[in-house]
Amino acid sequence: MGSAKHVPTKGSDPWNNKGYTTRAFFADSVTQKEYQLNCIRLQKGDIQRVKTLLSDGKHMAVAIMGPSHFTMGGHYIVLSGVTTNNGYNYFEVLDPHKNNQNYTNDGTMIYDAQKNGKVIARTSIFAAECQEYWVYSTINETSDIPLKNAMLNLENLGYSGLRNTSGELIVKRDEAFEKVVNLFLKDYNLTSEYNKLNSIDKNTILFTWIRQAVNGQIKPVDSSGKVDSETTTNNYLSEIFTNKSYDALAAVKYMTNLKYNSGDKEQEDNTDLYNKDEYERFDTNASKIYSLTRLTGDCANFVSQGLIAGGVKKNLFFHYYYPKDNPNNFFVERDMTAAWAQPQAQYEYFSNVKNHYTESDPIIFDKSTNISGFINDVKVGDLLFWGSDYKGSVHHATMITKIENGDIWYSGHTKNRIDASVKKALSQKDVSPPYILYIIKMNR
């Protein structure tokens, strides 16, 4: 590694007068300007971090091994990469002791019959026997930031077939894809959570987990017996509970922005009104063939945008990311959850007090209800969902944007509405079955 050529014995000369190689050598030597290497020193428990760094093909490591598979005492070896064989992770090893007699035939090591120093060894060996690691990169920086920010290469760890070359989930769902998915879920201890998801969220949550794995936010766990890791389980749910600073006025301002919405009767079907810089609109003809959610309306999508404008944070179960590389291409999978785009899923997510967006049950009412009995408990920025029964089934999402003259006024999409009257909507005689409305009182 590095741009200069050096003779290995020359590099080690200053330390040989002690009769052995000190551990300080592996960090101190690369600080000399002729080597131009970064080094970070990691401990035995950092094996997952070592695997992450080596998986990108831009790092190598030196490991000091304790007694068993490589030595009877102590022994330094080089790790040049990480690979997968029969579902198990292996380090690619360069052993300076080519005729090493400590190698075992227990299936944890693979090497040529005529030993040449090239070995692949199961990472479980290192979890038990490695004492320290020194990981190197050729990036010419003075800090170890590039190492800390290295991203996991899932393909090198045996999960090839999940993504295409652009990092997108492969659309084709064949047997080979499902096999890799099941391996990924098992290794990351996410199978039971995945099985709880509805069919639509399975795609989007899987994409999120893959992205989190790539970024090192979630890690393989050793409960599967296949992938060694720190002895922790994934705490990915910590992302969810974020809403304690909701700016309702900012949300209302977004929902009533004339660039994105209209209160004009003649403009109620105008699907060209939306925030084209950050989002898509899902009630256009093109989006009706949308592969992920098969949406025919834009109501929940628009409410989600208003919530984001009001400071609600995206998380594992509530997010959408604008496809900058494929805008308006509705055959491309979107990284988006049902709670973002579907009224029913959105209602269930935000009405659940465990998610900390509200602290009370929804207000449920119909045309026979006297609004004056609860109107003082309602605020602009609260969510208003439309259904036709009292069982929590909804089909439309809007936001309350005005409260005055003893009435509640709402805004939303599909059709375009700005400050439309709830009383007027409930009084319509041609609606069958009649509307049942649900109000979620948002924390702020």
Protein backbone atom coordinates (compact mmCIF):
# COMPACT_ATOMS: atom_id res chain seq x y z
CA MET A 1 0.00 0.00 0.00
CA GLY A 2 1.09 3.59 -0.46
CA SER A 3 2.81 5.24 -3.40
CA ALA A 4 6.44 4.56 -2.45
CA LYS A 5 8.34 1.27 -2.74
CA HIS A 6 10.08 0.04 0.40
CA VAL A 7 11.88 -3.11 1.40
CA PRO A 8 9.98 -4.73 4.30
CA THR A 9 13.13 -5.47 6.30
CA LYS A 10 14.17 -1.83 6.07
CA GLY A 11 10.87 -0.74 7.55
CA SER A 12 11.27 -3.08 10.50
CA ASP A 13 14.96 -2.44 11.24
CA PRO A 14 14.47 0.05 14.11
CA TRP A 15 12.46 -2.51 16.12
CA ASN A 16 14.49 -5.66 15.50
CA ASN A 17 17.14 -4.87 18.05
CA LYS A 18 14.74 -6.07 20.74
CA GLY A 19 14.60 -9.54 19.22
CA TYR A 20 10.89 -9.35 18.53
CA THR A 21 8.37 -7.04 16.87
CA THR A 22 6.64 -4.68 19.27
CA ARG A 23 2.98 -3.84 18.80
CA ALA A 24 3.88 -0.16 18.57
CA PHE A 25 5.64 -0.87 15.28
CA PHE A 26 2.39 -1.42 13.38
CA ALA A 27 1.02 2.02 14.25
CA ASP A 28 4.19 4.07 14.63
CA SER A 29 5.90 2.99 11.40
CA VAL A 30 3.19 4.35 9.12
CA THR A 31 3.47 7.82 10.64
CA GLN A 32 6.73 8.23 8.76
CA LYS A 33 6.15 10.42 5.72
CA GLU A 34 7.51 7.90 3.19
CA TYR A 35 4.73 5.39 3.94
CA GLN A 36 1.70 7.70 3.56
CA LEU A 37 -0.71 5.30 5.28
CA ASN A 38 -3.55 5.73 7.70
CA CYS A 39 -3.79 3.34 10.61
CA ILE A 40 -6.45 2.71 13.21
CA ARG A 41 -5.93 0.33 16.12
CA LEU A 42 -8.92 -1.85 16.98
CA GLN A 43 -9.57 -4.30 19.77
CA LYS A 44 -10.84 -7.88 19.83
CA GLY A 45 -14.47 -6.79 20.19
CA ASP A 46 -14.26 -4.63 17.05
CA ILE A 47 -14.40 -7.55 14.62
CA GLN A 48 -17.53 -6.28 12.87
CA ARG A 49 -15.84 -2.95 12.23
CA VAL A 50 -12.82 -4.77 10.81
CA LYS A 51 -15.07 -6.77 8.47
CA THR A 52 -16.81 -3.60 7.36
CA LEU A 53 -13.52 -1.90 6.52
CA LEU A 54 -11.97 -4.86 4.72
CA SER A 55 -15.11 -5.52 2.69
CA ASP A 56 -14.60 -2.44 0.50
CA GLY A 57 -11.30 -3.63 -1.02
CA LYS A 58 -9.50 -0.45 0.05
CA HIS A 59 -8.18 -1.56 3.43
CA MET A 60 -5.91 -4.24 4.85
CA ALA A 61 -5.15 -5.20 8.43
CA VAL A 62 -2.51 -6.78 10.62
CA ALA A 63 -3.83 -9.04 13.36
CA ILE A 64 -1.99 -10.46 16.34
CA MET A 65 -3.26 -13.94 17.07
CA GLY A 66 -3.27 -15.84 20.32
CA PRO A 67 -2.86 -19.62 20.74
CA SER A 68 -4.83 -22.14 18.70
CA HIS A 69 -5.38 -22.07 14.93
CA PHE A 70 -2.37 -19.94 13.91
CA THR A 71 0.13 -20.22 16.74
CA MET A 72 1.06 -21.79 20.06
CA GLY A 73 2.06 -18.42 21.45
CA GLY A 74 1.65 -15.16 19.50
CA HIS A 75 1.75 -14.55 15.77
CA TYR A 76 1.20 -11.61 13.39
CA ILE A 77 -0.73 -12.17 10.15
CA VAL A 78 -2.07 -9.93 7.38
CA LEU A 79 -5.78 -9.74 6.51
CA SER A 80 -6.30 -8.65 2.92
CA GLY A 81 -10.09 -8.93 2.59
CA VAL A 82 -13.29 -10.65 3.63
CA THR A 83 -15.30 -13.20 1.69
CA THR A 84 -18.14 -15.68 2.17
CA ASN A 85 -18.12 -19.44 1.73
CA ASN A 86 -21.21 -21.62 2.31
CA GLY A 87 -22.87 -18.84 4.26
CA TYR A 88 -19.93 -18.19 6.59
CA ASN A 89 -17.68 -15.12 6.64
CA TYR A 90 -13.95 -15.70 6.18
CA PHE A 91 -10.98 -13.36 6.32
CA GLU A 92 -8.48 -13.66 3.47
CA VAL A 93 -5.15 -14.22 5.26
CA LEU A 94 -1.53 -13.80 4.20
CA ASP A 95 0.51 -15.77 6.73
CA PRO A 96 4.25 -14.97 6.84
CA HIS A 97 4.79 -18.46 8.34
CA LYS A 98 4.12 -20.38 5.11
CA ASN A 99 4.72 -23.83 6.61
CA ASN A 100 2.49 -23.20 9.60
CA GLN A 101 1.80 -26.51 11.37
CA ASN A 102 -1.00 -25.12 13.56
CA TYR A 103 -3.64 -25.10 10.83
CA THR A 104 -6.60 -27.37 11.53
CA ASN A 105 -8.87 -29.44 9.34
CA ASP A 106 -12.04 -28.61 11.27
CA GLY A 107 -13.58 -26.66 8.37
CA THR A 108 -12.75 -23.25 9.78
CA MET A 109 -9.66 -22.82 7.58
CA ILE A 110 -9.17 -23.39 3.86
CA TYR A 111 -5.69 -23.55 2.36
CA ASP A 112 -3.70 -25.27 -0.39
CA ALA A 113 -2.18 -28.67 0.32
CA GLN A 114 1.20 -27.16 -0.51
CA LYS A 115 1.11 -24.27 1.91
CA ASN A 116 1.95 -20.90 0.38
CA GLY A 117 0.84 -18.57 3.14
CA LYS A 118 -2.54 -17.86 1.54
CA VAL A 119 -5.40 -18.95 3.79
CA ILE A 120 -9.03 -18.09 4.29
CA ALA A 121 -10.09 -18.45 7.90
CA ARG A 122 -13.55 -18.22 9.38
CA THR A 123 -14.10 -14.96 11.24
CA SER A 124 -15.24 -16.88 14.33
CA ILE A 125 -11.55 -17.80 14.83
CA PHE A 126 -10.69 -14.13 15.15
CA ALA A 127 -13.58 -13.41 17.48
CA ALA A 128 -12.03 -15.95 19.88
CA GLU A 129 -8.29 -15.70 19.25
CA CYS A 130 -7.34 -12.28 17.86
CA GLN A 131 -5.96 -9.84 20.43
CA GLU A 132 -5.70 -6.65 18.36
CA TYR A 133 -6.01 -5.31 14.82
CA TRP A 134 -4.26 -2.51 12.93
CA VAL A 135 -6.27 -1.48 9.88
CA TYR A 136 -4.61 0.51 7.10
CA SER A 137 -5.80 2.62 4.20
CA THR A 138 -3.91 4.49 1.50
CA ILE A 139 -6.00 7.65 1.86
CA ASN A 140 -3.62 10.54 2.48
CA GLU A 141 -5.31 12.03 5.50
CA THR A 142 -3.85 12.66 8.92
CA SER A 143 -6.90 11.36 10.79
CA ASP A 144 -8.72 8.06 10.75
CA ILE A 145 -12.00 9.62 9.60
CA PRO A 146 -11.97 7.78 6.23
CA LEU A 147 -11.70 4.52 8.12
CA LYS A 148 -14.51 5.37 10.51
CA ASN A 149 -16.79 6.33 7.64
CA ALA A 150 -16.07 3.24 5.50
CA MET A 151 -19.23 1.61 4.16
CA LEU A 152 -20.02 -2.06 4.25
CA ASN A 153 -19.91 -3.89 0.93
CA LEU A 154 -22.80 -6.33 1.28
CA GLU A 155 -21.89 -8.16 -1.90
CA ASN A 156 -18.45 -9.09 -0.54
CA LEU A 157 -20.13 -10.53 2.55
CA GLY A 158 -22.24 -12.96 0.57
CA TYR A 159 -25.40 -10.96 -0.10
CA SER A 160 -24.93 -10.55 -3.84
CA GLY A 161 -28.20 -10.33 -5.71
CA LEU A 162 -30.04 -7.84 -3.49
CA ARG A 163 -29.03 -4.67 -5.32
CA ASN A 164 -28.14 -3.60 -8.82
CA THR A 165 -25.02 -1.59 -9.68
CA SER A 166 -26.83 1.64 -8.72
CA GLY A 167 -27.51 0.35 -5.21
CA GLU A 168 -31.24 -0.10 -5.86
CA LEU A 169 -33.18 -3.19 -4.79
CA ILE A 170 -33.48 -5.62 -7.67
CA VAL A 171 -37.06 -5.61 -8.94
CA LYS A 172 -37.09 -9.24 -10.06
CA ARG A 173 -38.27 -11.40 -7.15
CA ASP A 174 -37.07 -14.87 -8.06
CA GLU A 175 -36.00 -17.81 -5.90
CA ALA A 176 -32.38 -16.67 -5.85
CA PHE A 177 -33.39 -13.22 -4.59
CA GLU A 178 -35.57 -14.67 -1.83
CA LYS A 179 -32.72 -16.96 -0.76
CA VAL A 180 -30.36 -13.99 -0.31
CA VAL A 181 -33.06 -11.99 1.47
CA ASN A 182 -33.65 -14.81 3.93
CA LEU A 183 -29.92 -15.10 4.60
CA PHE A 184 -29.63 -11.35 5.18
CA LEU A 185 -32.63 -11.29 7.53
CA LYS A 186 -31.35 -14.29 9.48
CA ASP A 187 -27.83 -12.91 9.87
CA TYR A 188 -29.15 -9.54 11.03
CA ASN A 189 -31.75 -11.14 13.32
CA LEU A 190 -34.60 -9.37 11.51
CA THR A 191 -36.67 -12.32 10.27
CA SER A 192 -39.43 -12.07 12.86
CA GLU A 193 -39.79 -8.30 12.38
CA TYR A 194 -39.90 -8.76 8.60
CA ASN A 195 -42.65 -11.38 8.85
CA LYS A 196 -44.82 -8.94 10.82
CA LEU A 197 -44.82 -6.40 7.97
CA ASN A 198 -47.52 -6.14 5.34
CA SER A 199 -46.57 -7.00 1.77
CA ILE A 200 -46.09 -3.38 0.74
CA ASP A 201 -43.89 -2.42 3.67
CA LYS A 202 -41.70 -5.50 3.22
CA ASN A 203 -40.03 -3.95 0.18
CA THR A 204 -39.50 -0.54 1.69
CA ILE A 205 -38.36 -1.71 5.12
CA LEU A 206 -36.00 -4.23 3.52
CA PHE A 207 -34.48 -1.42 1.45
CA THR A 208 -34.07 0.65 4.63
CA TRP A 209 -32.39 -2.21 6.47
CA ILE A 210 -30.00 -2.75 3.59
CA ARG A 211 -29.12 0.93 3.60
CA GLN A 212 -28.60 0.83 7.36
CA ALA A 213 -26.39 -2.24 7.02
CA VAL A 214 -24.31 -0.52 4.34
CA ASN A 215 -23.88 2.50 6.61
CA GLY A 216 -23.07 0.36 9.66
CA GLN A 217 -26.22 1.43 11.55
CA ILE A 218 -27.27 -2.17 12.07
CA LYS A 219 -24.95 -5.14 12.44
CA PRO A 220 -25.07 -8.90 12.07
CA VAL A 221 -25.68 -10.72 15.32
CA ASP A 222 -24.17 -14.01 16.35
CA SER A 223 -27.45 -15.71 17.26
CA SER A 224 -27.47 -17.36 13.82
CA GLY A 225 -24.10 -18.99 14.47
CA LYS A 226 -22.90 -17.89 11.05
CA VAL A 227 -21.80 -14.27 11.26
CA ASP A 228 -19.60 -13.13 14.10
CA SER A 229 -20.30 -9.74 15.54
CA GLU A 230 -20.34 -7.74 18.70
CA THR A 231 -22.59 -9.44 21.21
CA THR A 232 -25.50 -7.05 20.69
CA THR A 233 -28.86 -7.18 18.98
CA ASN A 234 -30.06 -4.60 16.50
CA ASN A 235 -31.73 -1.64 18.15
CA TYR A 236 -32.97 -0.13 14.90
CA LEU A 237 -36.30 0.90 16.46
CA SER A 238 -34.52 3.71 18.31
CA GLU A 239 -35.02 5.82 15.17
CA ILE A 240 -38.78 5.88 15.45
CA PHE A 241 -39.66 8.06 18.43
CA THR A 242 -38.65 11.53 17.33
CA ASN A 243 -41.67 13.83 17.36
CA LYS A 244 -41.64 16.32 20.22
CA SER A 245 -41.18 19.59 18.30
CA TYR A 246 -43.98 19.74 15.76
CA ASP A 247 -44.40 23.20 14.21
CA ALA A 248 -48.06 23.05 13.24
CA LEU A 249 -48.09 26.51 11.65
CA ALA A 250 -45.24 25.53 9.31
CA ALA A 251 -47.17 22.40 8.35
CA VAL A 252 -50.31 24.44 7.64
CA LYS A 253 -48.33 26.93 5.58
CA TYR A 254 -47.08 24.07 3.40
CA MET A 255 -50.52 22.49 2.97
CA THR A 256 -52.04 25.82 1.87
CA ASN A 257 -49.18 26.91 -0.41
CA LEU A 258 -50.70 27.85 -3.75
CA LYS A 259 -47.72 26.36 -5.58
CA TYR A 260 -48.64 22.94 -4.20
CA ASN A 261 -52.41 23.13 -3.71
CA SER A 262 -55.56 25.03 -4.66
CA GLY A 263 -58.89 25.97 -3.15
CA ASP A 264 -60.30 26.88 -6.55
CA LYS A 265 -63.10 24.58 -7.70
CA GLU A 266 -61.76 24.72 -11.24
CA GLN A 267 -58.32 23.59 -10.05
CA GLU A 268 -59.39 20.71 -7.83
CA ASP A 269 -58.26 18.12 -10.39
CA ASN A 270 -55.02 19.88 -11.34
CA THR A 271 -52.32 17.28 -10.63
CA ASP A 272 -49.58 19.67 -11.73
CA LEU A 273 -49.75 21.43 -8.36
CA TYR A 274 -47.05 19.92 -6.13
CA ASN A 275 -43.51 20.43 -4.83
CA LYS A 276 -41.57 19.29 -7.88
CA ASP A 277 -38.16 19.94 -6.30
CA GLU A 278 -38.53 17.40 -3.51
CA TYR A 279 -41.47 15.10 -4.15
CA GLU A 280 -43.70 13.36 -6.67
CA ARG A 281 -47.44 13.42 -6.99
CA PHE A 282 -49.13 10.02 -6.89
CA ASP A 283 -52.50 10.74 -8.47
CA THR A 284 -51.20 11.27 -11.99
CA ASN A 285 -51.97 8.70 -14.68
CA ALA A 286 -48.34 7.55 -14.64
CA SER A 287 -48.33 6.84 -10.93
CA LYS A 288 -51.38 4.60 -11.13
CA ILE A 289 -49.10 1.84 -12.40
CA TYR A 290 -46.62 2.49 -9.59
CA SER A 291 -45.03 -0.87 -8.75
CA LEU A 292 -44.58 -0.45 -5.01
CA THR A 293 -47.87 0.85 -3.65
CA ARG A 294 -50.26 0.97 -6.63
CA LEU A 295 -51.54 4.34 -5.48
CA THR A 296 -54.49 6.10 -7.07
CA GLY A 297 -54.44 9.14 -4.79
CA ASP A 298 -52.01 11.66 -3.38
CA CYS A 299 -53.71 12.49 -0.08
CA ALA A 300 -51.41 10.71 2.40
CA ASN A 301 -48.31 11.65 0.42
CA PHE A 302 -49.25 15.34 0.64
CA VAL A 303 -50.06 15.14 4.37
CA SER A 304 -46.65 13.51 4.93
CA GLN A 305 -44.99 16.42 3.16
CA GLY A 306 -46.82 18.83 5.43
CA LEU A 307 -45.69 16.91 8.50
CA ILE A 308 -42.07 17.05 7.32
CA ALA A 309 -42.43 20.81 6.74
CA GLY A 310 -43.63 20.97 10.36
CA GLY A 311 -40.50 19.28 11.67
CA VAL A 312 -41.59 15.63 11.94
CA LYS A 313 -38.54 13.48 11.25
CA LYS A 314 -38.29 10.64 8.79
CA ASN A 315 -37.59 7.26 10.31
CA LEU A 316 -37.71 3.55 9.60
CA PHE A 317 -41.50 3.36 9.28
CA PHE A 318 -42.20 6.86 7.96
CA HIS A 319 -40.09 8.03 5.06
CA TYR A 320 -39.81 8.77 1.36
CA TYR A 321 -36.67 9.60 -0.61
CA TYR A 322 -36.91 11.43 -3.90
CA PRO A 323 -35.48 9.26 -6.71
CA LYS A 324 -33.11 11.84 -8.20
CA ASP A 325 -31.71 9.35 -10.70
CA ASN A 326 -35.14 8.20 -11.89
CA PRO A 327 -37.63 11.05 -11.43
CA ASN A 328 -41.13 10.25 -12.68
CA ASN A 329 -40.10 6.73 -13.67
CA PHE A 330 -42.81 4.77 -11.92
CA PHE A 331 -41.40 1.39 -12.86
CA VAL A 332 -38.51 1.96 -10.43
CA GLU A 333 -38.95 0.87 -6.83
CA ARG A 334 -39.21 3.76 -4.35
CA ASP A 335 -37.63 3.88 -0.92
CA MET A 336 -40.91 4.76 0.76
CA THR A 337 -43.13 3.33 3.47
CA ALA A 338 -46.87 2.74 3.48
CA ALA A 339 -47.27 5.15 6.42
CA TRP A 340 -46.02 7.86 4.09
CA ALA A 341 -48.25 7.13 1.12
CA GLN A 342 -51.36 5.21 2.20
CA PRO A 343 -54.18 6.71 4.30
CA GLN A 344 -54.89 3.56 6.33
CA ALA A 345 -51.24 2.91 7.18
CA GLN A 346 -50.68 6.58 7.96
CA TYR A 347 -53.69 6.67 10.29
CA GLU A 348 -52.58 3.54 12.12
CA TYR A 349 -49.03 4.82 12.53
CA PHE A 350 -49.79 8.32 13.79
CA SER A 351 -52.75 7.32 15.96
CA ASN A 352 -50.65 4.76 17.87
CA VAL A 353 -49.74 6.44 21.17
CA LYS A 354 -46.66 4.21 21.43
CA ASN A 355 -45.14 6.16 18.54
CA HIS A 356 -45.38 9.39 20.58
CA TYR A 357 -47.03 11.57 17.94
CA THR A 358 -50.20 11.78 20.02
CA GLU A 359 -51.12 11.13 23.63
CA SER A 360 -54.82 10.38 23.24
CA ASP A 361 -57.23 8.29 21.22
CA PRO A 362 -58.60 9.84 18.03
CA ILE A 363 -61.73 11.97 18.12
CA ILE A 364 -64.34 10.10 16.07
CA PHE A 365 -67.49 11.82 14.78
CA ASP A 366 -70.08 11.93 12.01
CA LYS A 367 -72.79 14.29 10.74
CA SER A 368 -74.94 13.69 13.82
CA THR A 369 -72.18 14.84 16.18
CA ASN A 370 -72.23 18.38 17.58
CA ILE A 371 -68.75 19.69 16.70
CA SER A 372 -68.97 22.35 19.40
CA GLY A 373 -68.55 19.61 21.97
CA PHE A 374 -64.89 19.02 21.05
CA ILE A 375 -63.81 21.86 18.75
CA ASN A 376 -61.89 23.57 21.55
CA ASP A 377 -59.69 20.46 21.87
CA VAL A 378 -58.72 20.55 18.20
CA LYS A 379 -55.83 22.60 16.77
CA VAL A 380 -54.57 23.46 13.32
CA GLY A 381 -51.97 20.93 12.24
CA ASP A 382 -53.98 18.03 13.62
CA LEU A 383 -54.65 15.20 11.18
CA LEU A 384 -58.13 14.52 9.81
CA PHE A 385 -58.88 11.11 8.29
CA TRP A 386 -62.02 10.07 6.43
CA GLY A 387 -63.72 6.69 6.68
CA SER A 388 -67.11 5.07 6.51
CA ASP A 389 -67.28 3.01 9.73
CA TYR A 390 -66.36 3.21 13.39
CA LYS A 391 -63.80 0.40 13.17
CA GLY A 392 -60.82 2.57 12.22
CA SER A 393 -61.02 1.93 8.48
CA VAL A 394 -60.10 5.09 6.55
CA HIS A 395 -59.62 5.91 2.88
CA HIS A 396 -58.60 9.58 2.83
CA ALA A 397 -56.07 11.77 4.67
CA THR A 398 -56.13 15.55 5.20
CA MET A 399 -54.85 18.13 7.69
CA ILE A 400 -56.81 20.67 9.72
CA THR A 401 -55.65 24.10 8.56
CA LYS A 402 -58.22 26.48 10.05
CA ILE A 403 -60.67 26.56 12.95
CA GLU A 404 -63.20 29.41 12.98
CA ASN A 405 -66.92 30.22 12.99
CA GLY A 406 -67.66 27.00 14.86
CA ASP A 407 -66.33 24.91 12.00
CA ILE A 408 -63.23 22.85 11.22
CA TRP A 409 -61.51 23.51 7.90
CA TYR A 410 -59.16 21.10 6.17
CA SER A 411 -56.65 21.03 3.30
CA GLY A 412 -55.32 18.19 1.17
CA HIS A 413 -54.91 16.54 -2.19
CA THR A 414 -57.02 14.36 -4.44
CA LYS A 415 -58.96 16.41 -4.90
CA ASN A 416 -57.10 19.68 -4.25
CA ARG A 417 -58.55 21.42 -1.19
CA ILE A 418 -57.53 24.51 0.80
CA ASP A 419 -59.58 25.34 3.91
CA ALA A 420 -62.61 23.24 2.96
CA SER A 421 -65.47 23.02 5.47
CA VAL A 422 -66.01 19.84 7.49
CA LYS A 423 -69.63 20.82 8.18
CA LYS A 424 -70.30 21.22 4.48
CA ALA A 425 -68.72 17.85 3.69
CA LEU A 426 -70.76 16.09 6.36
CA SER A 427 -73.98 17.66 5.15
CA GLN A 428 -73.73 16.19 1.65
CA LYS A 429 -76.74 13.97 1.05
CA ASP A 430 -75.32 12.00 -1.87
CA VAL A 431 -72.53 10.37 0.18
CA SER A 432 -73.19 6.71 0.92
CA PRO A 433 -72.20 5.39 3.32
CA PRO A 434 -71.91 8.68 5.20
CA TYR A 435 -68.50 9.93 6.32
CA ILE A 436 -67.03 8.91 9.66
CA LEU A 437 -64.20 11.29 10.56
CA TYR A 438 -61.14 10.69 12.75
CA ILE A 439 -59.00 13.48 14.24
CA ILE A 440 -55.50 12.75 15.57
CA LYS A 441 -54.44 15.43 18.05
CA MET A 442 -50.74 15.87 17.37
CA ASN A 443 -48.16 16.51 20.08
CA ARG A 444 -46.27 19.75 19.72
